[in-house]
Amino acid sequence: MPRSWKRHSAEQIVAKLELVGELMRRGATVSEAATSAGITDATYFRWRKQYAGLRSSQLSYIKELEAELARLRKAISEYEGQ
């Protein structure tokens, strides 16, 4: 049976991680906080490992850098193709 995968944007992931962190600071367990955010414990730990310490403002900067990198790679491939 196929699973229905939910895709979250990086901003949504960081927001949910911040929500879970706030709930945990208020005394909730990891399981309770993750469930309140609509994710599983495993998802929380995987996201925390991948997005550790990032804030929303940093995500926009990273996206700008990735877009610039893609543009430069395209320019290099076009230059080499001539």
N, C-alpha and C. Protein backbone atom coordinates (compact mmCIF):
# COMPACT_ATOMS: atom_id res chain seq x y z
N MET A 1 0.84 -1.18 0.00
CA MET A 1 0.00 0.00 0.00
C MET A 1 0.89 1.24 0.00
N PRO A 2 0.69 2.17 -0.96
CA PRO A 2 1.54 3.35 -1.03
C PRO A 2 1.25 4.32 0.12
N ARG A 3 2.32 4.96 0.56
CA ARG A 3 2.19 5.95 1.62
C ARG A 3 1.94 7.32 1.01
N SER A 4 1.20 8.11 1.72
CA SER A 4 0.97 9.48 1.30
C SER A 4 2.01 10.36 1.98
N TRP A 5 2.98 10.86 1.23
CA TRP A 5 4.05 11.66 1.80
C TRP A 5 3.67 13.13 1.79
N LYS A 6 3.90 13.75 2.91
CA LYS A 6 3.70 15.18 3.03
C LYS A 6 5.02 15.88 2.79
N ARG A 7 5.01 16.89 2.01
CA ARG A 7 6.22 17.67 1.78
C ARG A 7 6.11 18.96 2.57
N HIS A 8 7.12 19.27 3.32
CA HIS A 8 7.17 20.50 4.08
C HIS A 8 8.28 21.38 3.52
N SER A 9 8.03 22.67 3.46
CA SER A 9 9.08 23.58 3.05
C SER A 9 10.06 23.74 4.20
N ALA A 10 11.22 24.25 3.90
CA ALA A 10 12.22 24.45 4.94
C ALA A 10 11.70 25.40 6.01
N GLU A 11 10.95 26.41 5.61
CA GLU A 11 10.39 27.35 6.58
C GLU A 11 9.40 26.66 7.51
N GLN A 12 8.58 25.77 6.96
CA GLN A 12 7.62 25.04 7.78
C GLN A 12 8.34 24.11 8.76
N ILE A 13 9.41 23.49 8.30
CA ILE A 13 10.17 22.58 9.16
C ILE A 13 10.78 23.35 10.32
N VAL A 14 11.40 24.49 10.04
CA VAL A 14 12.01 25.29 11.10
C VAL A 14 10.95 25.78 12.08
N ALA A 15 9.79 26.17 11.55
CA ALA A 15 8.71 26.63 12.43
C ALA A 15 8.23 25.51 13.35
N LYS A 16 8.11 24.29 12.81
CA LYS A 16 7.67 23.17 13.64
C LYS A 16 8.74 22.79 14.66
N LEU A 17 10.01 22.88 14.28
CA LEU A 17 11.07 22.61 15.23
C LEU A 17 11.06 23.63 16.36
N GLU A 18 10.82 24.89 16.03
CA GLU A 18 10.73 25.92 17.06
C GLU A 18 9.53 25.68 17.97
N LEU A 19 8.41 25.24 17.40
CA LEU A 19 7.22 24.95 18.19
C LEU A 19 7.49 23.79 19.15
N VAL A 20 8.10 22.74 18.65
CA VAL A 20 8.42 21.59 19.50
C VAL A 20 9.38 22.02 20.61
N GLY A 21 10.37 22.81 20.27
CA GLY A 21 11.30 23.30 21.28
C GLY A 21 10.62 24.11 22.36
N GLU A 22 9.69 24.97 21.96
CA GLU A 22 8.95 25.78 22.93
C GLU A 22 8.08 24.91 23.83
N LEU A 23 7.41 23.93 23.26
CA LEU A 23 6.59 23.02 24.06
C LEU A 23 7.43 22.22 25.05
N MET A 24 8.61 21.82 24.62
CA MET A 24 9.49 21.06 25.50
C MET A 24 10.02 21.94 26.63
N ARG A 25 10.28 23.23 26.35
CA ARG A 25 10.71 24.15 27.40
C ARG A 25 9.62 24.34 28.45
N ARG A 26 8.37 24.17 28.03
CA ARG A 26 7.24 24.31 28.95
C ARG A 26 6.96 23.01 29.71
N GLY A 27 7.74 21.97 29.45
CA GLY A 27 7.61 20.75 30.22
C GLY A 27 7.03 19.55 29.50
N ALA A 28 6.71 19.69 28.23
CA ALA A 28 6.17 18.55 27.47
C ALA A 28 7.30 17.59 27.11
N THR A 29 6.96 16.33 26.94
CA THR A 29 7.95 15.36 26.49
C THR A 29 8.13 15.52 24.98
N VAL A 30 9.16 14.89 24.45
CA VAL A 30 9.40 14.95 23.01
C VAL A 30 8.20 14.39 22.25
N SER A 31 7.68 13.26 22.71
CA SER A 31 6.54 12.64 22.03
C SER A 31 5.32 13.55 22.03
N GLU A 32 5.03 14.14 23.17
CA GLU A 32 3.86 15.04 23.26
C GLU A 32 4.04 16.27 22.39
N ALA A 33 5.23 16.86 22.43
CA ALA A 33 5.48 18.07 21.65
C ALA A 33 5.44 17.79 20.15
N ALA A 34 6.05 16.67 19.73
CA ALA A 34 6.06 16.33 18.31
C ALA A 34 4.66 16.04 17.81
N THR A 35 3.87 15.32 18.61
CA THR A 35 2.49 15.02 18.23
C THR A 35 1.68 16.30 18.12
N SER A 36 1.90 17.24 19.02
CA SER A 36 1.19 18.53 18.96
C SER A 36 1.54 19.29 17.69
N ALA A 37 2.77 19.13 17.21
CA ALA A 37 3.20 19.80 15.98
C ALA A 37 2.78 19.04 14.74
N GLY A 38 2.23 17.84 14.91
CA GLY A 38 1.76 17.06 13.77
C GLY A 38 2.83 16.22 13.09
N ILE A 39 3.88 15.88 13.85
CA ILE A 39 4.95 15.05 13.29
C ILE A 39 5.26 13.91 14.26
N THR A 40 6.03 12.94 13.78
CA THR A 40 6.42 11.83 14.64
C THR A 40 7.74 12.16 15.34
N ASP A 41 8.05 11.36 16.35
CA ASP A 41 9.32 11.53 17.05
C ASP A 41 10.50 11.39 16.09
N ALA A 42 10.44 10.37 15.24
CA ALA A 42 11.53 10.12 14.30
C ALA A 42 11.73 11.30 13.35
N THR A 43 10.62 11.86 12.88
CA THR A 43 10.70 13.02 12.00
C THR A 43 11.33 14.19 12.73
N TYR A 44 10.94 14.40 13.97
CA TYR A 44 11.51 15.50 14.76
C TYR A 44 13.03 15.34 14.88
N PHE A 45 13.50 14.15 15.23
CA PHE A 45 14.93 13.96 15.40
C PHE A 45 15.68 14.06 14.07
N ARG A 46 15.08 13.57 12.99
CA ARG A 46 15.72 13.68 11.68
C ARG A 46 15.82 15.14 11.26
N TRP A 47 14.73 15.90 11.41
CA TRP A 47 14.74 17.32 11.07
C TRP A 47 15.69 18.09 11.96
N ARG A 48 15.72 17.76 13.25
CA ARG A 48 16.60 18.47 14.17
C ARG A 48 18.06 18.27 13.77
N LYS A 49 18.38 17.06 13.35
CA LYS A 49 19.74 16.78 12.91
C LYS A 49 20.08 17.56 11.64
N GLN A 50 19.13 17.64 10.71
CA GLN A 50 19.37 18.29 9.43
C GLN A 50 19.33 19.81 9.53
N TYR A 51 18.42 20.35 10.33
CA TYR A 51 18.22 21.80 10.39
C TYR A 51 18.66 22.38 11.74
N ALA A 52 19.60 21.75 12.40
CA ALA A 52 20.01 22.16 13.74
C ALA A 52 20.43 23.62 13.79
N GLY A 53 19.76 24.39 14.61
CA GLY A 53 20.14 25.77 14.86
C GLY A 53 19.75 26.79 13.82
N LEU A 54 19.10 26.38 12.75
CA LEU A 54 18.73 27.34 11.71
C LEU A 54 17.50 28.15 12.11
N ARG A 55 17.49 29.39 11.71
CA ARG A 55 16.34 30.26 11.91
C ARG A 55 15.77 30.62 10.54
N SER A 56 14.57 31.14 10.51
CA SER A 56 13.90 31.48 9.26
C SER A 56 14.71 32.46 8.42
N SER A 57 15.32 33.45 9.05
CA SER A 57 16.11 34.43 8.30
C SER A 57 17.32 33.78 7.63
N GLN A 58 17.90 32.79 8.27
CA GLN A 58 19.04 32.11 7.69
C GLN A 58 18.62 31.26 6.50
N LEU A 59 17.40 30.73 6.53
CA LEU A 59 16.93 29.91 5.41
C LEU A 59 16.83 30.72 4.13
N SER A 60 16.34 31.95 4.22
CA SER A 60 16.22 32.78 3.02
C SER A 60 17.60 33.07 2.44
N TYR A 61 18.58 33.30 3.31
CA TYR A 61 19.95 33.54 2.85
C TYR A 61 20.51 32.31 2.15
N ILE A 62 20.27 31.14 2.72
CA ILE A 62 20.74 29.89 2.12
C ILE A 62 20.09 29.67 0.75
N LYS A 63 18.80 29.95 0.64
CA LYS A 63 18.13 29.80 -0.65
C LYS A 63 18.72 30.74 -1.69
N GLU A 64 19.04 31.97 -1.30
CA GLU A 64 19.67 32.91 -2.23
C GLU A 64 21.01 32.38 -2.71
N LEU A 65 21.80 31.83 -1.78
CA LEU A 65 23.09 31.27 -2.15
C LEU A 65 22.96 30.08 -3.08
N GLU A 66 21.96 29.22 -2.82
CA GLU A 66 21.75 28.06 -3.70
C GLU A 66 21.32 28.50 -5.09
N ALA A 67 20.49 29.53 -5.19
CA ALA A 67 20.07 30.04 -6.49
C ALA A 67 21.27 30.62 -7.25
N GLU A 68 22.11 31.36 -6.55
CA GLU A 68 23.31 31.93 -7.18
C GLU A 68 24.26 30.83 -7.63
N LEU A 69 24.42 29.79 -6.82
CA LEU A 69 25.27 28.67 -7.19
C LEU A 69 24.74 27.98 -8.44
N ALA A 70 23.44 27.77 -8.53
CA ALA A 70 22.84 27.15 -9.71
C ALA A 70 23.07 28.01 -10.96
N ARG A 71 22.93 29.33 -10.80
CA ARG A 71 23.15 30.24 -11.93
C ARG A 71 24.60 30.16 -12.39
N LEU A 72 25.53 30.14 -11.46
CA LEU A 72 26.95 30.07 -11.82
C LEU A 72 27.31 28.74 -12.47
N ARG A 73 26.75 27.66 -11.96
CA ARG A 73 27.01 26.35 -12.58
C ARG A 73 26.49 26.30 -14.01
N LYS A 74 25.33 26.90 -14.23
CA LYS A 74 24.76 26.94 -15.58
C LYS A 74 25.65 27.77 -16.50
N ALA A 75 26.14 28.90 -16.01
CA ALA A 75 27.02 29.76 -16.81
C ALA A 75 28.31 29.03 -17.15
N ILE A 76 28.86 28.28 -16.21
CA ILE A 76 30.10 27.53 -16.46
C ILE A 76 29.86 26.45 -17.49
N SER A 77 28.74 25.73 -17.39
CA SER A 77 28.47 24.66 -18.35
C SER A 77 28.24 25.23 -19.75
N GLU A 78 27.62 26.39 -19.83
CA GLU A 78 27.42 27.02 -21.15
C GLU A 78 28.76 27.50 -21.71
N TYR A 79 29.63 28.02 -20.87
CA TYR A 79 30.94 28.48 -21.29
C TYR A 79 31.79 27.31 -21.79
N GLU A 80 31.74 26.19 -21.07
CA GLU A 80 32.52 25.02 -21.47
C GLU A 80 31.97 24.39 -22.74
N GLY A 81 30.68 24.58 -23.00
CA GLY A 81 30.05 24.00 -24.17
C GLY A 81 30.36 24.74 -25.46
N GLN A 82 30.96 25.91 -25.37
CA GLN A 82 31.24 26.70 -26.57
C GLN A 82 32.44 26.24 -27.31
